[in-house]
Amino acid sequence: MLETVKQKITQLIAAYEAEKTERIRLQAELEQCRQQNETYTKQIIELKRQIDNQKLADAFMAGGADSTESRKKIDRLIKEIDRCISLMEG
């Protein structure tokens, strides 16, 4: 009977150590995923900024003769930027 209790305690200790090791591994993996997520979020923001800059440049390239159309494009871009900012804040 005493031997059985010792075996069960040994098994419990081994199971505890295995779970502890797994928890540490999962915490490290979670931290790595968080860092990747942050990197990707920054990359997305930068790419969106580049797209907005390109759209703005395209609006100005429409030419001075068609300034009304350029103004409309700029207004749409401003509204889109405002919408993106409100989405990022919310």
C-alpha atoms as a PDB file:
ATOM      1  CA  MET A   1       0.000   0.000   0.000  1.00  0.00           C
ATOM      2  CA  LEU A   2       2.774   2.453   0.911  1.00  0.00           C
ATOM      3  CA  GLU A   3       4.596   1.535  -2.272  1.00  0.00           C
ATOM      4  CA  THR A   4       1.459   2.292  -4.321  1.00  0.00           C
ATOM      5  CA  VAL A   5       1.152   5.725  -2.717  1.00  0.00           C
ATOM      6  CA  LYS A   6       4.816   6.439  -3.484  1.00  0.00           C
ATOM      7  CA  GLN A   7       4.310   5.416  -7.123  1.00  0.00           C
ATOM      8  CA  LYS A   8       1.251   7.634  -7.458  1.00  0.00           C
ATOM      9  CA  ILE A   9       3.110  10.578  -5.915  1.00  0.00           C
ATOM     10  CA  THR A  10       5.997  10.000  -8.322  1.00  0.00           C
ATOM     11  CA  GLN A  11       3.536   9.888 -11.238  1.00  0.00           C
ATOM     12  CA  LEU A  12       1.862  13.097 -10.038  1.00  0.00           C
ATOM     13  CA  ILE A  13       5.216  14.862  -9.760  1.00  0.00           C
ATOM     14  CA  ALA A  14       6.183  13.711 -13.266  1.00  0.00           C
ATOM     15  CA  ALA A  15       2.830  14.873 -14.658  1.00  0.00           C
ATOM     16  CA  TYR A  16       3.217  18.224 -12.890  1.00  0.00           C
ATOM     17  CA  GLU A  17       6.703  18.739 -14.321  1.00  0.00           C
ATOM     18  CA  ALA A  18       5.506  17.828 -17.821  1.00  0.00           C
ATOM     19  CA  GLU A  19       2.630  20.310 -17.585  1.00  0.00           C
ATOM     20  CA  LYS A  20       4.935  22.993 -16.200  1.00  0.00           C
ATOM     21  CA  THR A  21       7.309  22.511 -19.137  1.00  0.00           C
ATOM     22  CA  GLU A  22       4.407  22.650 -21.603  1.00  0.00           C
ATOM     23  CA  ARG A  23       3.072  25.842 -19.990  1.00  0.00           C
ATOM     24  CA  ILE A  24       6.477  27.518 -20.322  1.00  0.00           C
ATOM     25  CA  ARG A  25       6.702  26.449 -23.966  1.00  0.00           C
ATOM     26  CA  LEU A  26       3.211  27.761 -24.693  1.00  0.00           C
ATOM     27  CA  GLN A  27       3.949  31.074 -22.975  1.00  0.00           C
ATOM     28  CA  ALA A  28       7.048  31.517 -25.131  1.00  0.00           C
ATOM     29  CA  GLU A  29       5.059  30.655 -28.253  1.00  0.00           C
ATOM     30  CA  LEU A  30       2.332  33.119 -27.257  1.00  0.00           C
ATOM     31  CA  GLU A  31       4.885  35.895 -26.772  1.00  0.00           C
ATOM     32  CA  GLN A  32       6.403  35.141 -30.169  1.00  0.00           C
ATOM     33  CA  CYS A  33       2.947  35.295 -31.778  1.00  0.00           C
ATOM     34  CA  ARG A  34       2.228  38.598 -30.048  1.00  0.00           C
ATOM     35  CA  GLN A  35       5.475  40.040 -31.398  1.00  0.00           C
ATOM     36  CA  GLN A  36       4.669  38.799 -34.905  1.00  0.00           C
ATOM     37  CA  ASN A  37       1.201  40.297 -34.629  1.00  0.00           C
ATOM     38  CA  GLU A  38       2.669  43.650 -33.632  1.00  0.00           C
ATOM     39  CA  THR A  39       5.150  43.497 -36.527  1.00  0.00           C
ATOM     40  CA  TYR A  40       2.408  42.635 -39.013  1.00  0.00           C
ATOM     41  CA  THR A  41       0.141  45.375 -37.657  1.00  0.00           C
ATOM     42  CA  LYS A  42       2.906  47.947 -38.127  1.00  0.00           C
ATOM     43  CA  GLN A  43       3.538  46.622 -41.632  1.00  0.00           C
ATOM     44  CA  ILE A  44      -0.167  46.888 -42.512  1.00  0.00           C
ATOM     45  CA  ILE A  45      -0.297  50.466 -41.231  1.00  0.00           C
ATOM     46  CA  GLU A  46       2.776  51.368 -43.282  1.00  0.00           C
ATOM     47  CA  LEU A  47       1.368  49.746 -46.423  1.00  0.00           C
ATOM     48  CA  LYS A  48      -1.950  51.563 -45.978  1.00  0.00           C
ATOM     49  CA  ARG A  49      -0.040  54.823 -45.593  1.00  0.00           C
ATOM     50  CA  GLN A  50       1.847  54.098 -48.809  1.00  0.00           C
ATOM     51  CA  ILE A  51      -1.427  53.329 -50.601  1.00  0.00           C
ATOM     52  CA  ASP A  52      -2.935  56.580 -49.358  1.00  0.00           C
ATOM     53  CA  ASN A  53       0.135  58.504 -50.493  1.00  0.00           C
ATOM     54  CA  GLN A  54      -0.050  56.850 -53.911  1.00  0.00           C
ATOM     55  CA  LYS A  55      -3.747  57.663 -54.210  1.00  0.00           C
ATOM     56  CA  LEU A  56      -3.039  61.264 -53.284  1.00  0.00           C
ATOM     57  CA  ALA A  57      -0.214  61.451 -55.805  1.00  0.00           C
ATOM     58  CA  ASP A  58      -2.521  59.980 -58.445  1.00  0.00           C
ATOM     59  CA  ALA A  59      -5.142  62.603 -57.619  1.00  0.00           C
ATOM     60  CA  PHE A  60      -2.613  65.389 -58.163  1.00  0.00           C
ATOM     61  CA  MET A  61      -1.364  63.762 -61.349  1.00  0.00           C
ATOM     62  CA  ALA A  62      -4.852  64.060 -62.805  1.00  0.00           C
ATOM     63  CA  GLY A  63      -3.682  67.472 -63.974  1.00  0.00           C
ATOM     64  CA  GLY A  64      -4.515  71.099 -63.330  1.00  0.00           C
ATOM     65  CA  ALA A  65      -7.090  71.224 -66.112  1.00  0.00           C
ATOM     66  CA  ASP A  66      -9.345  68.850 -64.219  1.00  0.00           C
ATOM     67  CA  SER A  67      -8.952  70.330 -60.731  1.00  0.00           C
ATOM     68  CA  THR A  68     -12.599  69.616 -59.841  1.00  0.00           C
ATOM     69  CA  GLU A  69     -12.045  65.879 -60.288  1.00  0.00           C
ATOM     70  CA  SER A  70      -8.790  66.106 -58.344  1.00  0.00           C
ATOM     71  CA  ARG A  71     -10.586  67.900 -55.504  1.00  0.00           C
ATOM     72  CA  LYS A  72     -13.237  65.151 -55.430  1.00  0.00           C
ATOM     73  CA  LYS A  73     -10.564  62.466 -55.260  1.00  0.00           C
ATOM     74  CA  ILE A  74      -8.793  64.294 -52.442  1.00  0.00           C
ATOM     75  CA  ASP A  75     -12.068  64.692 -50.534  1.00  0.00           C
ATOM     76  CA  ARG A  76     -12.769  60.960 -50.903  1.00  0.00           C
ATOM     77  CA  LEU A  77      -9.263  60.156 -49.660  1.00  0.00           C
ATOM     78  CA  ILE A  78      -9.686  62.396 -46.633  1.00  0.00           C
ATOM     79  CA  LYS A  79     -12.979  60.694 -45.792  1.00  0.00           C
ATOM     80  CA  GLU A  80     -11.349  57.283 -46.194  1.00  0.00           C
ATOM     81  CA  ILE A  81      -8.442  58.300 -43.964  1.00  0.00           C
ATOM     82  CA  ASP A  82     -10.871  59.598 -41.337  1.00  0.00           C
ATOM     83  CA  ARG A  83     -12.781  56.320 -41.498  1.00  0.00           C
ATOM     84  CA  CYS A  84      -9.558  54.318 -41.075  1.00  0.00           C
ATOM     85  CA  ILE A  85      -8.534  56.415 -38.099  1.00  0.00           C
ATOM     86  CA  SER A  86     -11.928  55.953 -36.450  1.00  0.00           C
ATOM     87  CA  LEU A  87     -11.709  52.175 -37.016  1.00  0.00           C
ATOM     88  CA  MET A  88      -8.243  52.044 -35.468  1.00  0.00           C
ATOM     89  CA  GLU A  89      -9.420  54.045 -32.451  1.00  0.00           C
ATOM     90  CA  GLY A  90     -12.513  51.875 -31.931  1.00  0.00           C
END
